[in-house]
C-alpha cells in the first residue's frame, strides 16, 4: 500500500505536467469528513508587497487532477484550477481619516 502523510505533502512542490510550470508548494489539504478522503490540495496565494496588500488567490487542485506524487514533487494535469479569493485588507497611511 502506498501512503503519504499530510506533513509529507506539505514539503512537495506542485508542477503542471503539461507545461512544466511551477505552481507552488502544498500548504493545505481539503478532506471530505463523511468519506475521510482528500478532496483537494491548496496552494496559498503569494503575498503582495510583503503582505501589505494582502495576497493573491489560493490555487485549489482537485485530487483527481494529480497525476503523480513523487519524492520531491507532485505532478498535476492541465486543468482549470479553482481560485479562492481572500478578503482585501484596507490600508490607510492616515490613521485618523475614515
Foldseek 3Di string as FASTA:
>chain_A
DDDDDPVQQQQAWEAEPVPRDTDGGFDAWDADPVVRHTFWTKDQFAADPVNPFHGFWIWTGGPVQFDDDDNHYTYGYDDPTDTHDDDTDDDDPDVVDD
